[in-house]
Amino acid sequence: MSTVRVLLPLMLVASCKPPPDEEHHMPQADPARGAQAIERIGCAACHQIPGIRWPKGASGPSLQDFAKQGLIAGRLPNRPDVLTSFVRNAPATLPGTTMPAMPLTKEEARDVAAYLYATGSR
């Protein structure tokens, strides 16, 4: 019984999700460069993206409040490493997705992910 009293609080604390700021913290990435990459490759042709004025795509999901979404593409955990892989090469990350691979370097993909997290937490 005493083991349960000690372990239960530890298990509860360990199972809590970190706050969004910590969960999506990407110190190695630059959201401003992410916005530039988003505009350069035309992500807004398919998605509505906060801070990107034109175009306002509708064939892909809106990326408004992206940081608050639990899943990427409805099936992948919304974590920086997964999002970085997904925005760079969605078909390899999630076979069967309709999102194409994008012409992004690894660094640019991290910047795009940082932008989506930064605009989604405002």
PDB file of N, CA and C in Angstrom:
ATOM      1  N   MET A   1       0.814  -1.195   0.000  1.00  0.00           N
ATOM      2  CA  MET A   1       0.000   0.000   0.000  1.00  0.00           C
ATOM      3  C   MET A   1       0.859   1.261   0.000  1.00  0.00           C
ATOM      4  N   SER A   2       1.944   1.263   0.761  1.00  0.00           N
ATOM      5  CA  SER A   2       2.797   2.450   0.801  1.00  0.00           C
ATOM      6  C   SER A   2       3.496   2.677  -0.536  1.00  0.00           C
ATOM      7  N   THR A   3       3.792   1.620  -1.284  1.00  0.00           N
ATOM      8  CA  THR A   3       4.401   1.762  -2.607  1.00  0.00           C
ATOM      9  C   THR A   3       3.437   2.462  -3.552  1.00  0.00           C
ATOM     10  N   VAL A   4       2.164   2.127  -3.477  1.00  0.00           N
ATOM     11  CA  VAL A   4       1.149   2.761  -4.312  1.00  0.00           C
ATOM     12  C   VAL A   4       1.056   4.250  -3.991  1.00  0.00           C
ATOM     13  N   ARG A   5       1.126   4.608  -2.733  1.00  0.00           N
ATOM     14  CA  ARG A   5       1.053   6.017  -2.332  1.00  0.00           C
ATOM     15  C   ARG A   5       2.237   6.816  -2.861  1.00  0.00           C
ATOM     16  N   VAL A   6       3.373   6.189  -2.983  1.00  0.00           N
ATOM     17  CA  VAL A   6       4.559   6.868  -3.492  1.00  0.00           C
ATOM     18  C   VAL A   6       4.533   6.923  -5.019  1.00  0.00           C
ATOM     19  N   LEU A   7       4.188   5.812  -5.665  1.00  0.00           N
ATOM     20  CA  LEU A   7       4.246   5.737  -7.112  1.00  0.00           C
ATOM     21  C   LEU A   7       3.099   6.451  -7.819  1.00  0.00           C
ATOM     22  N   LEU A   8       1.923   6.444  -7.249  1.00  0.00           N
ATOM     23  CA  LEU A   8       0.773   7.055  -7.903  1.00  0.00           C
ATOM     24  C   LEU A   8       1.000   8.533  -8.207  1.00  0.00           C
ATOM     25  N   PRO A   9       1.410   9.355  -7.254  1.00  0.00           N
ATOM     26  CA  PRO A   9       1.658  10.763  -7.601  1.00  0.00           C
ATOM     27  C   PRO A   9       2.747  10.932  -8.660  1.00  0.00           C
ATOM     28  N   LEU A  10       3.786  10.109  -8.610  1.00  0.00           N
ATOM     29  CA  LEU A  10       4.837  10.196  -9.616  1.00  0.00           C
ATOM     30  C   LEU A  10       4.314   9.840 -11.000  1.00  0.00           C
ATOM     31  N   MET A  11       3.471   8.826 -11.074  1.00  0.00           N
ATOM     32  CA  MET A  11       2.896   8.426 -12.355  1.00  0.00           C
ATOM     33  C   MET A  11       1.979   9.516 -12.898  1.00  0.00           C
ATOM     34  N   LEU A  12       1.223  10.151 -12.051  1.00  0.00           N
ATOM     35  CA  LEU A  12       0.330  11.217 -12.493  1.00  0.00           C
ATOM     36  C   LEU A  12       1.108  12.405 -13.033  1.00  0.00           C
ATOM     37  N   VAL A  13       2.159  12.786 -12.349  1.00  0.00           N
ATOM     38  CA  VAL A  13       2.981  13.910 -12.807  1.00  0.00           C
ATOM     39  C   VAL A  13       3.666  13.564 -14.122  1.00  0.00           C
ATOM     40  N   ALA A  14       4.177  12.360 -14.246  1.00  0.00           N
ATOM     41  CA  ALA A  14       4.877  11.947 -15.460  1.00  0.00           C
ATOM     42  C   ALA A  14       3.949  11.864 -16.663  1.00  0.00           C
ATOM     43  N   SER A  15       2.677  11.617 -16.446  1.00  0.00           N
ATOM     44  CA  SER A  15       1.749  11.461 -17.564  1.00  0.00           C
ATOM     45  C   SER A  15       1.198  12.788 -18.070  1.00  0.00           C
ATOM     46  N   CYS A  16       1.428  13.867 -17.356  1.00  0.00           N
ATOM     47  CA  CYS A  16       0.925  15.176 -17.780  1.00  0.00           C
ATOM     48  C   CYS A  16       1.706  15.673 -18.988  1.00  0.00           C
ATOM     49  N   LYS A  17       0.997  16.314 -19.902  1.00  0.00           N
ATOM     50  CA  LYS A  17       1.653  16.919 -21.047  1.00  0.00           C
ATOM     51  C   LYS A  17       2.315  18.211 -20.600  1.00  0.00           C
ATOM     52  N   PRO A  18       3.477  18.557 -21.165  1.00  0.00           N
ATOM     53  CA  PRO A  18       4.092  19.833 -20.830  1.00  0.00           C
ATOM     54  C   PRO A  18       3.260  20.974 -21.397  1.00  0.00           C
ATOM     55  N   PRO A  19       3.414  22.173 -20.862  1.00  0.00           N
ATOM     56  CA  PRO A  19       2.696  23.322 -21.415  1.00  0.00           C
ATOM     57  C   PRO A  19       3.061  23.504 -22.882  1.00  0.00           C
ATOM     58  N   PRO A  20       2.165  24.073 -23.714  1.00  0.00           N
ATOM     59  CA  PRO A  20       2.443  24.220 -25.145  1.00  0.00           C
ATOM     60  C   PRO A  20       3.755  24.934 -25.447  1.00  0.00           C
ATOM     61  N   ASP A  21       4.118  25.948 -24.670  1.00  0.00           N
ATOM     62  CA  ASP A  21       5.360  26.662 -24.942  1.00  0.00           C
ATOM     63  C   ASP A  21       6.556  25.728 -24.855  1.00  0.00           C
ATOM     64  N   GLU A  22       6.575  24.839 -23.883  1.00  0.00           N
ATOM     65  CA  GLU A  22       7.678  23.898 -23.732  1.00  0.00           C
ATOM     66  C   GLU A  22       7.564  22.766 -24.744  1.00  0.00           C
ATOM     67  N   GLU A  23       6.369  22.316 -24.992  1.00  0.00           N
ATOM     68  CA  GLU A  23       6.157  21.171 -25.872  1.00  0.00           C
ATOM     69  C   GLU A  23       6.613  21.467 -27.304  1.00  0.00           C
ATOM     70  N   HIS A  24       6.420  22.682 -27.767  1.00  0.00           N
ATOM     71  CA  HIS A  24       6.748  23.044 -29.137  1.00  0.00           C
ATOM     72  C   HIS A  24       7.940  23.985 -29.221  1.00  0.00           C
ATOM     73  N   HIS A  25       8.722  24.061 -28.174  1.00  0.00           N
ATOM     74  CA  HIS A  25       9.876  24.957 -28.151  1.00  0.00           C
ATOM     75  C   HIS A  25      10.919  24.479 -29.157  1.00  0.00           C
ATOM     76  N   MET A  26      11.319  25.366 -30.064  1.00  0.00           N
ATOM     77  CA  MET A  26      12.282  25.017 -31.105  1.00  0.00           C
ATOM     78  C   MET A  26      13.366  26.092 -31.176  1.00  0.00           C
ATOM     79  N   PRO A  27      14.301  26.093 -30.229  1.00  0.00           N
ATOM     80  CA  PRO A  27      15.295  27.170 -30.187  1.00  0.00           C
ATOM     81  C   PRO A  27      16.201  27.208 -31.412  1.00  0.00           C
ATOM     82  N   GLN A  28      16.346  26.126 -32.135  1.00  0.00           N
ATOM     83  CA  GLN A  28      17.217  26.077 -33.299  1.00  0.00           C
ATOM     84  C   GLN A  28      16.537  26.592 -34.563  1.00  0.00           C
ATOM     85  N   ALA A  29      15.282  26.998 -34.474  1.00  0.00           N
ATOM     86  CA  ALA A  29      14.515  27.400 -35.653  1.00  0.00           C
ATOM     87  C   ALA A  29      14.128  28.873 -35.575  1.00  0.00           C
ATOM     88  N   ASP A  30      13.815  29.443 -36.746  1.00  0.00           N
ATOM     89  CA  ASP A  30      13.464  30.862 -36.847  1.00  0.00           C
ATOM     90  C   ASP A  30      12.098  31.007 -37.526  1.00  0.00           C
ATOM     91  N   PRO A  31      11.066  31.372 -36.758  1.00  0.00           N
ATOM     92  CA  PRO A  31       9.728  31.520 -37.348  1.00  0.00           C
ATOM     93  C   PRO A  31       9.675  32.532 -38.495  1.00  0.00           C
ATOM     94  N   ALA A  32      10.466  33.595 -38.437  1.00  0.00           N
ATOM     95  CA  ALA A  32      10.454  34.591 -39.526  1.00  0.00           C
ATOM     96  C   ALA A  32      10.945  33.966 -40.829  1.00  0.00           C
ATOM     97  N   ARG A  33      11.995  33.172 -40.755  1.00  0.00           N
ATOM     98  CA  ARG A  33      12.464  32.461 -41.949  1.00  0.00           C
ATOM     99  C   ARG A  33      11.421  31.436 -42.398  1.00  0.00           C
ATOM    100  N   GLY A  34      10.686  30.864 -41.421  1.00  0.00           N
ATOM    101  CA  GLY A  34       9.618  29.924 -41.758  1.00  0.00           C
ATOM    102  C   GLY A  34       8.535  30.581 -42.587  1.00  0.00           C
ATOM    103  N   ALA A  35       8.152  31.801 -42.229  1.00  0.00           N
ATOM    104  CA  ALA A  35       7.141  32.538 -42.991  1.00  0.00           C
ATOM    105  C   ALA A  35       7.626  32.785 -44.416  1.00  0.00           C
ATOM    106  N   GLN A  36       8.892  33.125 -44.549  1.00  0.00           N
ATOM    107  CA  GLN A  36       9.455  33.344 -45.889  1.00  0.00           C
ATOM    108  C   GLN A  36       9.416  32.059 -46.713  1.00  0.00           C
ATOM    109  N   ALA A  37       9.750  30.945 -46.097  1.00  0.00           N
ATOM    110  CA  ALA A  37       9.722  29.662 -46.811  1.00  0.00           C
ATOM    111  C   ALA A  37       8.292  29.298 -47.205  1.00  0.00           C
ATOM    112  N   ILE A  38       7.350  29.532 -46.299  1.00  0.00           N
ATOM    113  CA  ILE A  38       5.934  29.248 -46.590  1.00  0.00           C
ATOM    114  C   ILE A  38       5.475  30.045 -47.799  1.00  0.00           C
ATOM    115  N   GLU A  39       5.843  31.314 -47.845  1.00  0.00           N
ATOM    116  CA  GLU A  39       5.450  32.149 -48.984  1.00  0.00           C
ATOM    117  C   GLU A  39       6.171  31.720 -50.261  1.00  0.00           C
ATOM    118  N   ARG A  40       7.458  31.369 -50.153  1.00  0.00           N
ATOM    119  CA  ARG A  40       8.251  30.988 -51.329  1.00  0.00           C
ATOM    120  C   ARG A  40       7.717  29.727 -51.995  1.00  0.00           C
ATOM    121  N   ILE A  41       7.362  28.729 -51.193  1.00  0.00           N
ATOM    122  CA  ILE A  41       6.932  27.469 -51.812  1.00  0.00           C
ATOM    123  C   ILE A  41       5.421  27.379 -52.015  1.00  0.00           C
ATOM    124  N   GLY A  42       4.681  28.356 -51.499  1.00  0.00           N
ATOM    125  CA  GLY A  42       3.251  28.429 -51.798  1.00  0.00           C
ATOM    126  C   GLY A  42       2.340  27.554 -50.964  1.00  0.00           C
ATOM    127  N   CYS A  43       2.672  27.352 -49.691  1.00  0.00           N
ATOM    128  CA  CYS A  43       1.824  26.530 -48.812  1.00  0.00           C
ATOM    129  C   CYS A  43       0.385  27.050 -48.742  1.00  0.00           C
ATOM    130  N   ALA A  44       0.232  28.369 -48.858  1.00  0.00           N
ATOM    131  CA  ALA A  44      -1.098  28.968 -48.735  1.00  0.00           C
ATOM    132  C   ALA A  44      -1.969  28.720 -49.964  1.00  0.00           C
ATOM    133  N   ALA A  45      -1.412  28.112 -50.993  1.00  0.00           N
ATOM    134  CA  ALA A  45      -2.242  27.728 -52.131  1.00  0.00           C
ATOM    135  C   ALA A  45      -3.235  26.642 -51.717  1.00  0.00           C
ATOM    136  N   CYS A  46      -2.862  25.861 -50.703  1.00  0.00           N
ATOM    137  CA  CYS A  46      -3.736  24.788 -50.221  1.00  0.00           C
ATOM    138  C   CYS A  46      -4.274  25.041 -48.819  1.00  0.00           C
ATOM    139  N   HIS A  47      -3.542  25.798 -47.999  1.00  0.00           N
ATOM    140  CA  HIS A  47      -3.900  25.998 -46.594  1.00  0.00           C
ATOM    141  C   HIS A  47      -4.157  27.468 -46.276  1.00  0.00           C
ATOM    142  N   GLN A  48      -5.058  27.704 -45.340  1.00  0.00           N
ATOM    143  CA  GLN A  48      -5.173  29.030 -44.733  1.00  0.00           C
ATOM    144  C   GLN A  48      -4.178  29.056 -43.584  1.00  0.00           C
ATOM    145  N   ILE A  49      -3.275  30.035 -43.622  1.00  0.00           N
ATOM    146  CA  ILE A  49      -2.189  30.095 -42.658  1.00  0.00           C
ATOM    147  C   ILE A  49      -2.184  31.468 -42.009  1.00  0.00           C
ATOM    148  N   PRO A  50      -2.236  31.527 -40.677  1.00  0.00           N
ATOM    149  CA  PRO A  50      -2.213  32.823 -40.004  1.00  0.00           C
ATOM    150  C   PRO A  50      -0.983  33.634 -40.422  1.00  0.00           C
ATOM    151  N   GLY A  51      -1.203  34.908 -40.710  1.00  0.00           N
ATOM    152  CA  GLY A  51      -0.108  35.792 -41.075  1.00  0.00           C
ATOM    153  C   GLY A  51       0.258  35.765 -42.548  1.00  0.00           C
ATOM    154  N   ILE A  52      -0.273  34.823 -43.289  1.00  0.00           N
ATOM    155  CA  ILE A  52      -0.031  34.756 -44.730  1.00  0.00           C
ATOM    156  C   ILE A  52      -1.322  35.244 -45.388  1.00  0.00           C
ATOM    157  N   ARG A  53      -1.244  36.401 -46.017  1.00  0.00           N
ATOM    158  CA  ARG A  53      -2.467  37.070 -46.476  1.00  0.00           C
ATOM    159  C   ARG A  53      -3.062  36.488 -47.749  1.00  0.00           C
ATOM    160  N   TRP A  54      -2.223  35.988 -48.636  1.00  0.00           N
ATOM    161  CA  TRP A  54      -2.736  35.512 -49.910  1.00  0.00           C
ATOM    162  C   TRP A  54      -1.844  34.415 -50.424  1.00  0.00           C
ATOM    163  N   PRO A  55      -2.353  33.423 -51.091  1.00  0.00           N
ATOM    164  CA  PRO A  55      -3.769  33.113 -51.262  1.00  0.00           C
ATOM    165  C   PRO A  55      -4.341  32.491 -49.996  1.00  0.00           C
ATOM    166  N   LYS A  56      -5.601  32.199 -50.007  1.00  0.00           N
ATOM    167  CA  LYS A  56      -6.282  31.538 -48.888  1.00  0.00           C
ATOM    168  C   LYS A  56      -6.793  30.195 -49.385  1.00  0.00           C
ATOM    169  N   GLY A  57      -5.902  29.225 -49.415  1.00  0.00           N
ATOM    170  CA  GLY A  57      -6.240  27.905 -49.937  1.00  0.00           C
ATOM    171  C   GLY A  57      -7.320  27.220 -49.114  1.00  0.00           C
ATOM    172  N   ALA A  58      -8.037  26.331 -49.769  1.00  0.00           N
ATOM    173  CA  ALA A  58      -9.115  25.605 -49.098  1.00  0.00           C
ATOM    174  C   ALA A  58      -9.056  24.101 -49.349  1.00  0.00           C
ATOM    175  N   SER A  59      -8.092  23.641 -50.154  1.00  0.00           N
ATOM    176  CA  SER A  59      -8.052  22.198 -50.416  1.00  0.00           C
ATOM    177  C   SER A  59      -7.397  21.432 -49.268  1.00  0.00           C
ATOM    178  N   GLY A  60      -6.546  22.090 -48.498  1.00  0.00           N
ATOM    179  CA  GLY A  60      -5.956  21.495 -47.298  1.00  0.00           C
ATOM    180  C   GLY A  60      -6.585  22.119 -46.069  1.00  0.00           C
ATOM    181  N   PRO A  61      -6.341  21.549 -44.918  1.00  0.00           N
ATOM    182  CA  PRO A  61      -6.948  22.108 -43.697  1.00  0.00           C
ATOM    183  C   PRO A  61      -6.351  23.464 -43.328  1.00  0.00           C
ATOM    184  N   SER A  62      -7.144  24.257 -42.620  1.00  0.00           N
ATOM    185  CA  SER A  62      -6.640  25.513 -42.070  1.00  0.00           C
ATOM    186  C   SER A  62      -5.575  25.190 -41.030  1.00  0.00           C
ATOM    187  N   LEU A  63      -4.543  26.000 -40.982  1.00  0.00           N
ATOM    188  CA  LEU A  63      -3.477  25.807 -40.004  1.00  0.00           C
ATOM    189  C   LEU A  63      -3.587  26.808 -38.858  1.00  0.00           C
ATOM    190  N   GLN A  64      -4.761  27.425 -38.748  1.00  0.00           N
ATOM    191  CA  GLN A  64      -5.057  28.308 -37.614  1.00  0.00           C
ATOM    192  C   GLN A  64      -4.993  27.503 -36.326  1.00  0.00           C
ATOM    193  N   ASP A  65      -4.396  28.058 -35.303  1.00  0.00           N
ATOM    194  CA  ASP A  65      -4.275  27.395 -33.987  1.00  0.00           C
ATOM    195  C   ASP A  65      -3.584  26.035 -34.093  1.00  0.00           C
ATOM    196  N   PHE A  66      -2.612  25.930 -34.975  1.00  0.00           N
ATOM    197  CA  PHE A  66      -1.940  24.653 -35.197  1.00  0.00           C
ATOM    198  C   PHE A  66      -1.288  24.106 -33.939  1.00  0.00           C
ATOM    199  N   ALA A  67      -0.720  24.972 -33.127  1.00  0.00           N
ATOM    200  CA  ALA A  67      -0.038  24.518 -31.904  1.00  0.00           C
ATOM    201  C   ALA A  67      -0.997  23.815 -30.946  1.00  0.00           C
ATOM    202  N   LYS A  68      -2.266  24.124 -31.051  1.00  0.00           N
ATOM    203  CA  LYS A  68      -3.252  23.539 -30.140  1.00  0.00           C
ATOM    204  C   LYS A  68      -3.811  22.207 -30.646  1.00  0.00           C
ATOM    205  N   GLN A  69      -3.499  21.851 -31.878  1.00  0.00           N
ATOM    206  CA  GLN A  69      -4.003  20.595 -32.433  1.00  0.00           C
ATOM    207  C   GLN A  69      -3.212  19.426 -31.861  1.00  0.00           C
ATOM    208  N   GLY A  70      -3.881  18.366 -31.532  1.00  0.00           N
ATOM    209  CA  GLY A  70      -3.218  17.204 -30.968  1.00  0.00           C
ATOM    210  C   GLY A  70      -2.533  16.336 -32.003  1.00  0.00           C
ATOM    211  N   LEU A  71      -3.038  16.377 -33.237  1.00  0.00           N
ATOM    212  CA  LEU A  71      -2.504  15.501 -34.274  1.00  0.00           C
ATOM    213  C   LEU A  71      -2.164  16.287 -35.537  1.00  0.00           C
ATOM    214  N   ILE A  72      -1.188  15.806 -36.257  1.00  0.00           N
ATOM    215  CA  ILE A  72      -0.841  16.318 -37.581  1.00  0.00           C
ATOM    216  C   ILE A  72      -1.543  15.417 -38.583  1.00  0.00           C
ATOM    217  N   ALA A  73      -2.269  16.017 -39.509  1.00  0.00           N
ATOM    218  CA  ALA A  73      -2.997  15.266 -40.544  1.00  0.00           C
ATOM    219  C   ALA A  73      -3.950  14.248 -39.931  1.00  0.00           C
ATOM    220  N   GLY A  74      -4.387  14.507 -38.723  1.00  0.00           N
ATOM    221  CA  GLY A  74      -5.346  13.636 -38.055  1.00  0.00           C
ATOM    222  C   GLY A  74      -4.794  12.311 -37.572  1.00  0.00           C
ATOM    223  N   ARG A  75      -3.472  12.066 -37.761  1.00  0.00           N
ATOM    224  CA  ARG A  75      -2.946  10.751 -37.403  1.00  0.00           C
ATOM    225  C   ARG A  75      -1.566  10.741 -36.751  1.00  0.00           C
ATOM    226  N   LEU A  76      -0.826  11.811 -36.830  1.00  0.00           N
ATOM    227  CA  LEU A  76       0.536  11.829 -36.284  1.00  0.00           C
ATOM    228  C   LEU A  76       0.596  12.732 -35.060  1.00  0.00           C
ATOM    229  N   PRO A  77       1.404  12.391 -34.065  1.00  0.00           N
ATOM    230  CA  PRO A  77       1.506  13.252 -32.884  1.00  0.00           C
ATOM    231  C   PRO A  77       2.075  14.619 -33.265  1.00  0.00           C
ATOM    232  N   ASN A  78       1.495  15.660 -32.718  1.00  0.00           N
ATOM    233  CA  ASN A  78       1.922  17.022 -33.036  1.00  0.00           C
ATOM    234  C   ASN A  78       3.154  17.377 -32.198  1.00  0.00           C
ATOM    235  N   ARG A  79       4.306  16.967 -32.720  1.00  0.00           N
ATOM    236  CA  ARG A  79       5.599  17.231 -32.082  1.00  0.00           C
ATOM    237  C   ARG A  79       6.509  17.890 -33.111  1.00  0.00           C
ATOM    238  N   PRO A  80       7.458  18.706 -32.669  1.00  0.00           N
ATOM    239  CA  PRO A  80       8.344  19.392 -33.612  1.00  0.00           C
ATOM    240  C   PRO A  80       9.081  18.462 -34.573  1.00  0.00           C
ATOM    241  N   ASP A  81       9.594  17.349 -34.091  1.00  0.00           N
ATOM    242  CA  ASP A  81      10.337  16.448 -34.980  1.00  0.00           C
ATOM    243  C   ASP A  81       9.430  15.844 -36.047  1.00  0.00           C
ATOM    244  N   VAL A  82       8.218  15.489 -35.671  1.00  0.00           N
ATOM    245  CA  VAL A  82       7.274  14.897 -36.619  1.00  0.00           C
ATOM    246  C   VAL A  82       6.802  15.951 -37.620  1.00  0.00           C
ATOM    247  N   LEU A  83       6.486  17.147 -37.126  1.00  0.00           N
ATOM    248  CA  LEU A  83       6.025  18.213 -38.025  1.00  0.00           C
ATOM    249  C   LEU A  83       7.122  18.596 -39.013  1.00  0.00           C
ATOM    250  N   THR A  84       8.352  18.683 -38.544  1.00  0.00           N
ATOM    251  CA  THR A  84       9.462  19.013 -39.434  1.00  0.00           C
ATOM    252  C   THR A  84       9.572  17.993 -40.561  1.00  0.00           C
ATOM    253  N   SER A  85       9.491  16.726 -40.231  1.00  0.00           N
ATOM    254  CA  SER A  85       9.542  15.676 -41.255  1.00  0.00           C
ATOM    255  C   SER A  85       8.342  15.755 -42.187  1.00  0.00           C
ATOM    256  N   PHE A  86       7.163  16.003 -41.613  1.00  0.00           N
ATOM    257  CA  PHE A  86       5.936  16.028 -42.403  1.00  0.00           C
ATOM    258  C   PHE A  86       5.935  17.179 -43.404  1.00  0.00           C
ATOM    259  N   VAL A  87       6.299  18.389 -42.989  1.00  0.00           N
ATOM    260  CA  VAL A  87       6.238  19.516 -43.929  1.00  0.00           C
ATOM    261  C   VAL A  87       7.278  19.380 -45.037  1.00  0.00           C
ATOM    262  N   ARG A  88       8.342  18.652 -44.768  1.00  0.00           N
ATOM    263  CA  ARG A  88       9.378  18.458 -45.791  1.00  0.00           C
ATOM    264  C   ARG A  88       9.016  17.335 -46.757  1.00  0.00           C
ATOM    265  N   ASN A  89       8.551  16.209 -46.214  1.00  0.00           N
ATOM    266  CA  ASN A  89       8.247  15.061 -47.062  1.00  0.00           C
ATOM    267  C   ASN A  89       7.069  14.293 -46.477  1.00  0.00           C
ATOM    268  N   ALA A  90       5.892  14.857 -46.647  1.00  0.00           N
ATOM    269  CA  ALA A  90       4.677  14.259 -46.092  1.00  0.00           C
ATOM    270  C   ALA A  90       4.441  12.827 -46.566  1.00  0.00           C
ATOM    271  N   PRO A  91       4.618  12.496 -47.860  1.00  0.00           N
ATOM    272  CA  PRO A  91       4.354  11.118 -48.289  1.00  0.00           C
ATOM    273  C   PRO A  91       5.255  10.083 -47.605  1.00  0.00           C
ATOM    274  N   ALA A  92       6.493  10.455 -47.290  1.00  0.00           N
ATOM    275  CA  ALA A  92       7.382   9.518 -46.605  1.00  0.00           C
ATOM    276  C   ALA A  92       7.031   9.404 -45.125  1.00  0.00           C
ATOM    277  N   THR A  93       6.532  10.499 -44.555  1.00  0.00           N
ATOM    278  CA  THR A  93       6.183  10.522 -43.133  1.00  0.00           C
ATOM    279  C   THR A  93       4.830   9.871 -42.883  1.00  0.00           C
ATOM    280  N   LEU A  94       3.896  10.082 -43.802  1.00  0.00           N
ATOM    281  CA  LEU A  94       2.554   9.531 -43.678  1.00  0.00           C
ATOM    282  C   LEU A  94       2.099   9.016 -45.049  1.00  0.00           C
ATOM    283  N   PRO A  95       2.463   7.780 -45.385  1.00  0.00           N
ATOM    284  CA  PRO A  95       2.072   7.234 -46.692  1.00  0.00           C
ATOM    285  C   PRO A  95       0.558   7.341 -46.913  1.00  0.00           C
ATOM    286  N   GLY A  96       0.204   7.732 -48.123  1.00  0.00           N
ATOM    287  CA  GLY A  96      -1.201   7.869 -48.475  1.00  0.00           C
ATOM    288  C   GLY A  96      -1.737   9.279 -48.317  1.00  0.00           C
ATOM    289  N   THR A  97      -0.953  10.177 -47.731  1.00  0.00           N
ATOM    290  CA  THR A  97      -1.411  11.557 -47.583  1.00  0.00           C
ATOM    291  C   THR A  97      -1.489  12.228 -48.949  1.00  0.00           C
ATOM    292  N   THR A  98      -2.335  13.220 -49.068  1.00  0.00           N
ATOM    293  CA  THR A  98      -2.437  13.951 -50.333  1.00  0.00           C
ATOM    294  C   THR A  98      -1.459  15.120 -50.399  1.00  0.00           C
ATOM    295  N   MET A  99      -0.818  15.458 -49.282  1.00  0.00           N
ATOM    296  CA  MET A  99       0.157  16.549 -49.295  1.00  0.00           C
ATOM    297  C   MET A  99       1.434  16.066 -49.984  1.00  0.00           C
ATOM    298  N   PRO A 100       1.931  16.844 -50.936  1.00  0.00           N
ATOM    299  CA  PRO A 100       3.144  16.428 -51.640  1.00  0.00           C
ATOM    300  C   PRO A 100       4.404  16.739 -50.828  1.00  0.00           C
ATOM    301  N   ALA A 101       5.517  16.144 -51.247  1.00  0.00           N
ATOM    302  CA  ALA A 101       6.818  16.519 -50.694  1.00  0.00           C
ATOM    303  C   ALA A 101       7.091  17.967 -51.101  1.00  0.00           C
ATOM    304  N   MET A 102       7.716  18.721 -50.223  1.00  0.00           N
ATOM    305  CA  MET A 102       7.965  20.135 -50.482  1.00  0.00           C
ATOM    306  C   MET A 102       9.458  20.379 -50.653  1.00  0.00           C
ATOM    307  N   PRO A 103       9.826  21.327 -51.487  1.00  0.00           N
ATOM    308  CA  PRO A 103      11.241  21.624 -51.721  1.00  0.00           C
ATOM    309  C   PRO A 103      11.842  22.447 -50.574  1.00  0.00           C
ATOM    310  N   LEU A 104      12.046  21.798 -49.452  1.00  0.00           N
ATOM    311  CA  LEU A 104      12.581  22.455 -48.258  1.00  0.00           C
ATOM    312  C   LEU A 104      13.808  21.703 -47.759  1.00  0.00           C
ATOM    313  N   THR A 105      14.783  22.448 -47.277  1.00  0.00           N
ATOM    314  CA  THR A 105      15.896  21.820 -46.582  1.00  0.00           C
ATOM    315  C   THR A 105      15.416  21.441 -45.180  1.00  0.00           C
ATOM    316  N   LYS A 106      16.212  20.675 -44.458  1.00  0.00           N
ATOM    317  CA  LYS A 106      15.854  20.327 -43.081  1.00  0.00           C
ATOM    318  C   LYS A 106      15.718  21.581 -42.235  1.00  0.00           C
ATOM    319  N   GLU A 107      16.613  22.533 -42.426  1.00  0.00           N
ATOM    320  CA  GLU A 107      16.569  23.776 -41.652  1.00  0.00           C
ATOM    321  C   GLU A 107      15.312  24.582 -41.974  1.00  0.00           C
ATOM    322  N   GLU A 108      14.966  24.670 -43.249  1.00  0.00           N
ATOM    323  CA  GLU A 108      13.757  25.394 -43.641  1.00  0.00           C
ATOM    324  C   GLU A 108      12.511  24.716 -43.072  1.00  0.00           C
ATOM    325  N   ALA A 109      12.492  23.395 -43.092  1.00  0.00           N
ATOM    326  CA  ALA A 109      11.341  22.666 -42.533  1.00  0.00           C
ATOM    327  C   ALA A 109      11.202  22.954 -41.042  1.00  0.00           C
ATOM    328  N   ARG A 110      12.316  23.027 -40.314  1.00  0.00           N
ATOM    329  CA  ARG A 110      12.257  23.393 -38.890  1.00  0.00           C
ATOM    330  C   ARG A 110      11.727  24.808 -38.720  1.00  0.00           C
ATOM    331  N   ASP A 111      12.150  25.705 -39.588  1.00  0.00           N
ATOM    332  CA  ASP A 111      11.672  27.092 -39.514  1.00  0.00           C
ATOM    333  C   ASP A 111      10.164  27.165 -39.779  1.00  0.00           C
ATOM    334  N   VAL A 112       9.690  26.402 -40.758  1.00  0.00           N
ATOM    335  CA  VAL A 112       8.248  26.360 -41.050  1.00  0.00           C
ATOM    336  C   VAL A 112       7.486  25.826 -39.839  1.00  0.00           C
ATOM    337  N   ALA A 113       7.983  24.761 -39.250  1.00  0.00           N
ATOM    338  CA  ALA A 113       7.334  24.200 -38.047  1.00  0.00           C
ATOM    339  C   ALA A 113       7.308  25.235 -36.923  1.00  0.00           C
ATOM    340  N   ALA A 114       8.405  25.927 -36.725  1.00  0.00           N
ATOM    341  CA  ALA A 114       8.464  26.956 -35.672  1.00  0.00           C
ATOM    342  C   ALA A 114       7.453  28.059 -35.949  1.00  0.00           C
ATOM    343  N   TYR A 115       7.290  28.440 -37.215  1.00  0.00           N
ATOM    344  CA  TYR A 115       6.289  29.460 -37.569  1.00  0.00           C
ATOM    345  C   TYR A 115       4.879  28.978 -37.245  1.00  0.00           C
ATOM    346  N   LEU A 116       4.572  27.746 -37.620  1.00  0.00           N
ATOM    347  CA  LEU A 116       3.227  27.228 -37.370  1.00  0.00           C
ATOM    348  C   LEU A 116       2.949  27.145 -35.858  1.00  0.00           C
ATOM    349  N   TYR A 117       3.936  26.774 -35.068  1.00  0.00           N
ATOM    350  CA  TYR A 117       3.753  26.734 -33.622  1.00  0.00           C
ATOM    351  C   TYR A 117       3.634  28.146 -33.053  1.00  0.00           C
ATOM    352  N   ALA A 118       4.434  29.071 -33.550  1.00  0.00           N
ATOM    353  CA  ALA A 118       4.401  30.447 -33.024  1.00  0.00           C
ATOM    354  C   ALA A 118       3.084  31.137 -33.332  1.00  0.00           C
ATOM    355  N   THR A 119       2.573  30.957 -34.545  1.00  0.00           N
ATOM    356  CA  THR A 119       1.313  31.617 -34.898  1.00  0.00           C
ATOM    357  C   THR A 119       0.122  30.909 -34.289  1.00  0.00           C
ATOM    358  N   GLY A 120       0.265  29.638 -33.993  1.00  0.00           N
ATOM    359  CA  GLY A 120      -0.829  28.874 -33.418  1.00  0.00           C
ATOM    360  C   GLY A 120      -0.962  29.015 -31.920  1.00  0.00           C
ATOM    361  N   SER A 121      -0.031  29.694 -31.283  1.00  0.00           N
ATOM    362  CA  SER A 121      -0.120  29.834 -29.825  1.00  0.00           C
ATOM    363  C   SER A 121      -0.488  31.242 -29.416  1.00  0.00           C
ATOM    364  N   ARG A 122      -0.803  32.084 -30.371  1.00  0.00           N
ATOM    365  CA  ARG A 122      -1.181  33.469 -30.061  1.00  0.00           C
ATOM    366  C   ARG A 122      -2.631  33.578 -29.691  1.00  0.00           C
TER     367      ARG A 122
END
